[in-house]
Amino acid sequence: QVQLQESGPGLVKPSQTLSLTCTVSGDSITANGAVWGWIRQPPGKEPEWMGAIDTSGSSYYNPSLMNRTSISRDTSKNQFTLQLSSVAPRDTAVYYCARGKEGWSPWGQGTQVTVSA
């Protein structure tokens, strides 16, 4: 059974960098056939795909967030990490990590991130 778990701060100040980690169990982030991504859902809005990293370590980003987003991985821990720089209140959302393999499934439970001074 594949499970993903997000971790990171729930409150970030404007202009800082948000860093979230996704820990994967039941599958390897280096196994072929899958990508590992981040999706966020601001309050009252649709989910927004932010980016992903593939099994070779190459990253792909939503063009609207590309200048502020970085996704990396630690294969020894089977984890991948999201960094979002220069955050603002508009970045307040529930952040999810997910496996992309014939669709985005499964997702982690999500973690609320609030950007506020």
C-alpha atoms as a PDB file:
ATOM      1  CA  GLN A   1       0.000   0.000   0.000  1.00  0.00           C
ATOM      2  CA  VAL A   2       1.485   3.284  -1.127  1.00  0.00           C
ATOM      3  CA  GLN A   3       1.278   6.113   1.385  1.00  0.00           C
ATOM      4  CA  LEU A   4       2.483   9.698   1.273  1.00  0.00           C
ATOM      5  CA  GLN A   5       2.839  12.062   4.206  1.00  0.00           C
ATOM      6  CA  GLU A   6       3.501  15.792   4.024  1.00  0.00           C
ATOM      7  CA  SER A   7       5.438  17.604   6.730  1.00  0.00           C
ATOM      8  CA  GLY A   8       6.504  21.178   7.276  1.00  0.00           C
ATOM      9  CA  PRO A   9       5.567  24.425   8.988  1.00  0.00           C
ATOM     10  CA  GLY A  10       1.946  25.447   9.162  1.00  0.00           C
ATOM     11  CA  LEU A  11       2.712  29.159   9.296  1.00  0.00           C
ATOM     12  CA  VAL A  12       5.126  31.073   7.112  1.00  0.00           C
ATOM     13  CA  LYS A  13       5.798  34.817   7.037  1.00  0.00           C
ATOM     14  CA  PRO A  14       5.471  36.792   3.809  1.00  0.00           C
ATOM     15  CA  SER A  15       8.621  36.925   1.655  1.00  0.00           C
ATOM     16  CA  GLN A  16      10.041  33.784   3.287  1.00  0.00           C
ATOM     17  CA  THR A  17      10.603  30.420   1.611  1.00  0.00           C
ATOM     18  CA  LEU A  18       8.160  27.610   2.283  1.00  0.00           C
ATOM     19  CA  SER A  19       9.674  24.153   2.514  1.00  0.00           C
ATOM     20  CA  LEU A  20       7.584  20.975   2.649  1.00  0.00           C
ATOM     21  CA  THR A  21       8.710  17.358   2.608  1.00  0.00           C
ATOM     22  CA  CYS A  22       6.800  14.337   1.385  1.00  0.00           C
ATOM     23  CA  THR A  23       7.760  10.959   2.825  1.00  0.00           C
ATOM     24  CA  VAL A  24       6.777   7.985   0.690  1.00  0.00           C
ATOM     25  CA  SER A  25       6.223   4.422   1.879  1.00  0.00           C
ATOM     26  CA  GLY A  26       5.200   1.364  -0.078  1.00  0.00           C
ATOM     27  CA  ASP A  27       6.912   2.493  -3.291  1.00  0.00           C
ATOM     28  CA  SER A  28      10.273   3.880  -4.352  1.00  0.00           C
ATOM     29  CA  ILE A  29      10.589   7.383  -5.768  1.00  0.00           C
ATOM     30  CA  THR A  30      13.264   6.005  -8.103  1.00  0.00           C
ATOM     31  CA  ALA A  31      11.107   3.205  -9.500  1.00  0.00           C
ATOM     32  CA  ASN A  32      10.150   3.513 -13.157  1.00  0.00           C
ATOM     33  CA  GLY A  33       6.702   4.454 -14.259  1.00  0.00           C
ATOM     34  CA  ALA A  34       5.844   7.199 -11.781  1.00  0.00           C
ATOM     35  CA  VAL A  35       6.408  10.848 -11.062  1.00  0.00           C
ATOM     36  CA  TRP A  36       6.026  12.517  -7.685  1.00  0.00           C
ATOM     37  CA  GLY A  37       4.277  15.832  -7.446  1.00  0.00           C
ATOM     38  CA  TRP A  38       2.886  18.671  -5.413  1.00  0.00           C
ATOM     39  CA  ILE A  39      -0.639  20.021  -5.678  1.00  0.00           C
ATOM     40  CA  ARG A  40      -2.194  22.803  -3.633  1.00  0.00           C
ATOM     41  CA  GLN A  41      -5.722  23.982  -3.038  1.00  0.00           C
ATOM     42  CA  PRO A  42      -6.317  27.543  -1.852  1.00  0.00           C
ATOM     43  CA  PRO A  43      -9.513  28.133   0.118  1.00  0.00           C
ATOM     44  CA  GLY A  44     -12.533  28.214  -2.162  1.00  0.00           C
ATOM     45  CA  LYS A  45     -10.517  27.388  -5.283  1.00  0.00           C
ATOM     46  CA  GLU A  46      -9.748  24.394  -7.450  1.00  0.00           C
ATOM     47  CA  PRO A  47      -6.610  22.306  -6.881  1.00  0.00           C
ATOM     48  CA  GLU A  48      -3.531  23.654  -8.661  1.00  0.00           C
ATOM     49  CA  TRP A  49      -0.717  21.416  -9.895  1.00  0.00           C
ATOM     50  CA  MET A  50       2.592  22.941  -8.842  1.00  0.00           C
ATOM     51  CA  GLY A  51       5.187  20.584 -10.218  1.00  0.00           C
ATOM     52  CA  ALA A  52       6.721  17.127 -10.109  1.00  0.00           C
ATOM     53  CA  ILE A  53       9.963  15.207 -10.116  1.00  0.00           C
ATOM     54  CA  ASP A  54      10.501  12.049 -12.109  1.00  0.00           C
ATOM     55  CA  THR A  55      12.461   8.905 -11.373  1.00  0.00           C
ATOM     56  CA  SER A  56      15.611  10.293 -12.964  1.00  0.00           C
ATOM     57  CA  GLY A  57      15.470  13.404 -10.783  1.00  0.00           C
ATOM     58  CA  SER A  58      14.274  15.808 -13.468  1.00  0.00           C
ATOM     59  CA  SER A  59      11.740  18.378 -12.293  1.00  0.00           C
ATOM     60  CA  TYR A  60       8.783  19.945 -14.075  1.00  0.00           C
ATOM     61  CA  TYR A  61       6.893  23.042 -12.977  1.00  0.00           C
ATOM     62  CA  ASN A  62       3.659  24.890 -13.497  1.00  0.00           C
ATOM     63  CA  PRO A  63       4.705  27.848 -15.672  1.00  0.00           C
ATOM     64  CA  SER A  64       2.843  30.235 -13.404  1.00  0.00           C
ATOM     65  CA  LEU A  65       4.977  29.155 -10.445  1.00  0.00           C
ATOM     66  CA  MET A  66       8.212  28.209 -12.157  1.00  0.00           C
ATOM     67  CA  ASN A  67      10.173  31.238 -11.025  1.00  0.00           C
ATOM     68  CA  ARG A  68       9.457  30.523  -7.353  1.00  0.00           C
ATOM     69  CA  THR A  69       9.299  26.722  -7.177  1.00  0.00           C
ATOM     70  CA  SER A  70      11.924  24.052  -6.711  1.00  0.00           C
ATOM     71  CA  ILE A  71      11.362  20.327  -6.225  1.00  0.00           C
ATOM     72  CA  SER A  72      14.185  18.061  -5.126  1.00  0.00           C
ATOM     73  CA  ARG A  73      14.557  14.623  -3.603  1.00  0.00           C
ATOM     74  CA  ASP A  74      16.498  12.569  -1.075  1.00  0.00           C
ATOM     75  CA  THR A  75      16.555   9.037  -2.411  1.00  0.00           C
ATOM     76  CA  SER A  76      18.189   7.670   0.747  1.00  0.00           C
ATOM     77  CA  LYS A  77      15.111   8.723   2.713  1.00  0.00           C
ATOM     78  CA  ASN A  78      12.587   8.127  -0.082  1.00  0.00           C
ATOM     79  CA  GLN A  79      11.468  11.742   0.263  1.00  0.00           C
ATOM     80  CA  PHE A  80      10.905  14.659  -2.073  1.00  0.00           C
ATOM     81  CA  THR A  81      10.745  18.299  -1.132  1.00  0.00           C
ATOM     82  CA  LEU A  82       8.949  21.417  -2.315  1.00  0.00           C
ATOM     83  CA  GLN A  83      10.411  24.869  -1.889  1.00  0.00           C
ATOM     84  CA  LEU A  84       8.332  27.934  -2.732  1.00  0.00           C
ATOM     85  CA  SER A  85      10.103  31.254  -2.399  1.00  0.00           C
ATOM     86  CA  SER A  86       8.829  34.780  -1.807  1.00  0.00           C
ATOM     87  CA  VAL A  87       5.537  33.564  -0.389  1.00  0.00           C
ATOM     88  CA  ALA A  88       2.580  35.877  -0.010  1.00  0.00           C
ATOM     89  CA  PRO A  89      -0.876  35.509   1.546  1.00  0.00           C
ATOM     90  CA  ARG A  90      -2.143  34.235  -1.851  1.00  0.00           C
ATOM     91  CA  ASP A  91       0.012  31.124  -1.273  1.00  0.00           C
ATOM     92  CA  THR A  92      -2.150  30.121   1.694  1.00  0.00           C
ATOM     93  CA  ALA A  93      -3.516  26.683   0.837  1.00  0.00           C
ATOM     94  CA  VAL A  94      -3.651  23.025   1.702  1.00  0.00           C
ATOM     95  CA  TYR A  95      -0.590  21.453   0.129  1.00  0.00           C
ATOM     96  CA  TYR A  96      -0.663  17.848  -1.046  1.00  0.00           C
ATOM     97  CA  CYS A  97       1.945  15.486  -2.385  1.00  0.00           C
ATOM     98  CA  ALA A  98       0.874  12.730  -4.734  1.00  0.00           C
ATOM     99  CA  ARG A  99       2.110   9.978  -6.998  1.00  0.00           C
ATOM    100  CA  GLY A 100       1.561  10.392 -10.694  1.00  0.00           C
ATOM    101  CA  LYS A 101       1.030   7.012 -12.327  1.00  0.00           C
ATOM    102  CA  GLU A 102      -1.934   6.653 -14.649  1.00  0.00           C
ATOM    103  CA  GLY A 103      -3.421   9.614 -12.834  1.00  0.00           C
ATOM    104  CA  TRP A 104      -2.613  11.302  -9.534  1.00  0.00           C
ATOM    105  CA  SER A 105      -3.094   8.652  -6.884  1.00  0.00           C
ATOM    106  CA  PRO A 106      -2.648   8.284  -4.023  1.00  0.00           C
ATOM    107  CA  TRP A 107      -2.459  11.679  -2.372  1.00  0.00           C
ATOM    108  CA  GLY A 108      -1.165  12.501   1.070  1.00  0.00           C
ATOM    109  CA  GLN A 109      -3.619  13.788   3.622  1.00  0.00           C
ATOM    110  CA  GLY A 110      -2.511  17.356   2.989  1.00  0.00           C
ATOM    111  CA  THR A 111      -1.017  20.012   5.210  1.00  0.00           C
ATOM    112  CA  GLN A 112      -2.427  23.481   5.801  1.00  0.00           C
ATOM    113  CA  VAL A 113       0.019  26.299   5.167  1.00  0.00           C
ATOM    114  CA  THR A 114      -0.907  29.834   6.110  1.00  0.00           C
ATOM    115  CA  VAL A 115       1.132  32.818   4.996  1.00  0.00           C
ATOM    116  CA  SER A 116       0.750  35.621   7.482  1.00  0.00           C
ATOM    117  CA  ALA A 117       2.845  38.101   9.390  1.00  0.00           C
END
